[in-house]
Amino acid sequence: MAQIVDHPVSVRLPKYLIKKIDELIKEGEFKSRSDFIKYAVILSLGQIMMEKAREKAKTITPEEAKVRSKQTLQKLLTEEIEDEWSEVKGILEETDKKWKELKGAKE
């Protein structure tokens, strides 16, 4: 699996937001400002991706969904789709671990 490399990004935020973030750190919800910002970015990107998926789903007709379903079933039956569970499981475990690290000391 590819190693994750963090890249620095500068962000300017209003004082009241910094104060709220610092309160969460003090409460042990996050380890640092950086961890909070990483968490917020991941959460925001996830929400954006889900909204895009919802919009895409609205454009698929029932007929197209039926065709795609049949095509996928055929690929499963003919074993054209690889067993990707081990890779998916690894990614999920790594993501869960990173989320817990970012979330803070309580986990």
C-alpha atoms as a PDB file:
ATOM      1  CA  MET A   1       0.000   0.000   0.000  1.00  0.00           C
ATOM      2  CA  ALA A   2       1.252   3.478  -0.818  1.00  0.00           C
ATOM      3  CA  GLN A   3       2.594   5.543   2.044  1.00  0.00           C
ATOM      4  CA  ILE A   4       0.684   8.695   2.914  1.00  0.00           C
ATOM      5  CA  VAL A   5       2.825  11.837   2.819  1.00  0.00           C
ATOM      6  CA  ASP A   6       1.531  14.993   4.477  1.00  0.00           C
ATOM      7  CA  HIS A   7       2.069  18.305   2.698  1.00  0.00           C
ATOM      8  CA  PRO A   8       2.024  21.637   4.527  1.00  0.00           C
ATOM      9  CA  VAL A   9      -0.785  24.094   3.809  1.00  0.00           C
ATOM     10  CA  SER A  10      -1.126  27.530   5.388  1.00  0.00           C
ATOM     11  CA  VAL A  11      -4.594  28.555   6.520  1.00  0.00           C
ATOM     12  CA  ARG A  12      -5.749  31.823   8.032  1.00  0.00           C
ATOM     13  CA  LEU A  13      -8.803  31.612  10.269  1.00  0.00           C
ATOM     14  CA  PRO A  14     -10.710  34.157  12.350  1.00  0.00           C
ATOM     15  CA  LYS A  15      -9.741  34.339  16.016  1.00  0.00           C
ATOM     16  CA  TYR A  16     -13.118  32.993  17.214  1.00  0.00           C
ATOM     17  CA  LEU A  17     -12.615  29.797  15.178  1.00  0.00           C
ATOM     18  CA  ILE A  18      -9.115  29.295  16.542  1.00  0.00           C
ATOM     19  CA  LYS A  19     -10.528  29.767  20.052  1.00  0.00           C
ATOM     20  CA  LYS A  20     -13.167  27.062  19.429  1.00  0.00           C
ATOM     21  CA  ILE A  21     -10.585  24.681  17.952  1.00  0.00           C
ATOM     22  CA  ASP A  22      -8.294  25.291  20.940  1.00  0.00           C
ATOM     23  CA  GLU A  23     -11.199  24.513  23.302  1.00  0.00           C
ATOM     24  CA  LEU A  24     -11.695  21.153  21.568  1.00  0.00           C
ATOM     25  CA  ILE A  25      -7.978  20.423  21.900  1.00  0.00           C
ATOM     26  CA  LYS A  26      -8.049  21.348  25.584  1.00  0.00           C
ATOM     27  CA  GLU A  27     -11.037  18.992  26.058  1.00  0.00           C
ATOM     28  CA  GLY A  28      -9.009  16.209  24.440  1.00  0.00           C
ATOM     29  CA  GLU A  29     -11.164  15.926  21.327  1.00  0.00           C
ATOM     30  CA  PHE A  30      -8.149  16.573  19.081  1.00  0.00           C
ATOM     31  CA  LYS A  31      -4.408  16.477  19.614  1.00  0.00           C
ATOM     32  CA  SER A  32      -3.603  19.682  17.718  1.00  0.00           C
ATOM     33  CA  ARG A  33      -4.966  22.388  15.437  1.00  0.00           C
ATOM     34  CA  SER A  34      -3.442  20.543  12.514  1.00  0.00           C
ATOM     35  CA  ASP A  35      -5.289  17.345  13.418  1.00  0.00           C
ATOM     36  CA  PHE A  36      -8.573  19.246  13.711  1.00  0.00           C
ATOM     37  CA  ILE A  37      -8.070  20.853  10.295  1.00  0.00           C
ATOM     38  CA  LYS A  38      -7.210  17.465   8.710  1.00  0.00           C
ATOM     39  CA  TYR A  39     -10.361  16.001  10.278  1.00  0.00           C
ATOM     40  CA  ALA A  40     -12.507  18.907   9.050  1.00  0.00           C
ATOM     41  CA  VAL A  41     -11.109  18.651   5.517  1.00  0.00           C
ATOM     42  CA  ILE A  42     -11.685  14.876   5.375  1.00  0.00           C
ATOM     43  CA  LEU A  43     -15.233  15.312   6.666  1.00  0.00           C
ATOM     44  CA  SER A  44     -15.964  18.113   4.181  1.00  0.00           C
ATOM     45  CA  LEU A  45     -14.547  16.197   1.217  1.00  0.00           C
ATOM     46  CA  GLY A  46     -16.617  13.166   2.185  1.00  0.00           C
ATOM     47  CA  GLN A  47     -19.778  15.269   2.283  1.00  0.00           C
ATOM     48  CA  ILE A  48     -19.003  16.834  -1.095  1.00  0.00           C
ATOM     49  CA  MET A  49     -18.325  13.418  -2.635  1.00  0.00           C
ATOM     50  CA  MET A  50     -21.596  12.034  -1.240  1.00  0.00           C
ATOM     51  CA  GLU A  51     -23.549  14.982  -2.648  1.00  0.00           C
ATOM     52  CA  LYS A  52     -21.950  14.496  -6.064  1.00  0.00           C
ATOM     53  CA  ALA A  53     -22.839  10.792  -5.926  1.00  0.00           C
ATOM     54  CA  ARG A  54     -26.459  11.674  -5.049  1.00  0.00           C
ATOM     55  CA  GLU A  55     -26.640  14.078  -7.984  1.00  0.00           C
ATOM     56  CA  LYS A  56     -25.151  11.472 -10.332  1.00  0.00           C
ATOM     57  CA  ALA A  57     -27.638   8.881  -9.075  1.00  0.00           C
ATOM     58  CA  LYS A  58     -30.520  11.216  -9.967  1.00  0.00           C
ATOM     59  CA  THR A  59     -29.434  11.157 -13.619  1.00  0.00           C
ATOM     60  CA  ILE A  60     -29.493   7.364 -13.955  1.00  0.00           C
ATOM     61  CA  THR A  61     -32.756   6.062 -15.345  1.00  0.00           C
ATOM     62  CA  PRO A  62     -34.321   2.876 -13.982  1.00  0.00           C
ATOM     63  CA  GLU A  63     -33.530   1.188 -17.296  1.00  0.00           C
ATOM     64  CA  GLU A  64     -29.872   2.189 -17.084  1.00  0.00           C
ATOM     65  CA  ALA A  65     -29.697   0.996 -13.479  1.00  0.00           C
ATOM     66  CA  LYS A  66     -31.166  -2.356 -14.540  1.00  0.00           C
ATOM     67  CA  VAL A  67     -28.624  -2.698 -17.376  1.00  0.00           C
ATOM     68  CA  ARG A  68     -25.720  -1.802 -15.061  1.00  0.00           C
ATOM     69  CA  SER A  69     -26.988  -4.250 -12.479  1.00  0.00           C
ATOM     70  CA  LYS A  70     -27.155  -7.060 -15.038  1.00  0.00           C
ATOM     71  CA  GLN A  71     -23.669  -6.212 -16.338  1.00  0.00           C
ATOM     72  CA  THR A  72     -22.222  -6.269 -12.834  1.00  0.00           C
ATOM     73  CA  LEU A  73     -23.948  -9.549 -12.022  1.00  0.00           C
ATOM     74  CA  GLN A  74     -22.557 -11.059 -15.219  1.00  0.00           C
ATOM     75  CA  LYS A  75     -19.050  -9.926 -14.290  1.00  0.00           C
ATOM     76  CA  LEU A  76     -19.436 -11.455 -10.843  1.00  0.00           C
ATOM     77  CA  LEU A  77     -20.696 -14.745 -12.283  1.00  0.00           C
ATOM     78  CA  THR A  78     -17.868 -14.954 -14.808  1.00  0.00           C
ATOM     79  CA  GLU A  79     -15.329 -13.855 -12.186  1.00  0.00           C
ATOM     80  CA  GLU A  80     -14.294 -10.817 -14.223  1.00  0.00           C
ATOM     81  CA  ILE A  81     -14.277  -8.831 -11.001  1.00  0.00           C
ATOM     82  CA  GLU A  82     -11.284  -9.514  -8.782  1.00  0.00           C
ATOM     83  CA  ASP A  83     -11.624 -10.182  -5.121  1.00  0.00           C
ATOM     84  CA  GLU A  84     -10.586  -6.790  -3.804  1.00  0.00           C
ATOM     85  CA  TRP A  85     -11.735  -7.351  -0.225  1.00  0.00           C
ATOM     86  CA  SER A  86      -8.243  -7.672   1.245  1.00  0.00           C
ATOM     87  CA  GLU A  87      -7.188  -4.347  -0.294  1.00  0.00           C
ATOM     88  CA  VAL A  88     -10.460  -2.645   0.681  1.00  0.00           C
ATOM     89  CA  LYS A  89     -10.193  -4.042   4.217  1.00  0.00           C
ATOM     90  CA  GLY A  90      -6.641  -2.693   4.511  1.00  0.00           C
ATOM     91  CA  ILE A  91      -7.710   0.749   3.339  1.00  0.00           C
ATOM     92  CA  LEU A  92     -10.658   0.779   5.760  1.00  0.00           C
ATOM     93  CA  GLU A  93      -8.441  -0.266   8.669  1.00  0.00           C
ATOM     94  CA  GLU A  94      -5.818   2.358   7.802  1.00  0.00           C
ATOM     95  CA  THR A  95      -8.497   5.050   7.426  1.00  0.00           C
ATOM     96  CA  ASP A  96     -10.080   4.087  10.754  1.00  0.00           C
ATOM     97  CA  LYS A  97      -6.681   4.208  12.472  1.00  0.00           C
ATOM     98  CA  LYS A  98      -5.886   7.625  10.967  1.00  0.00           C
ATOM     99  CA  TRP A  99      -9.332   8.956  11.919  1.00  0.00           C
ATOM    100  CA  LYS A 100      -8.821   7.840  15.515  1.00  0.00           C
ATOM    101  CA  GLU A 101      -5.379   9.479  15.573  1.00  0.00           C
ATOM    102  CA  LEU A 102      -6.818  12.728  14.248  1.00  0.00           C
ATOM    103  CA  LYS A 103      -9.834  12.606  16.571  1.00  0.00           C
ATOM    104  CA  GLY A 104      -7.564  12.788  19.578  1.00  0.00           C
ATOM    105  CA  ALA A 105      -6.551  11.334  22.855  1.00  0.00           C
ATOM    106  CA  LYS A 106      -9.990  10.028  23.878  1.00  0.00           C
ATOM    107  CA  GLU A 107      -9.879   7.083  21.455  1.00  0.00           C
END
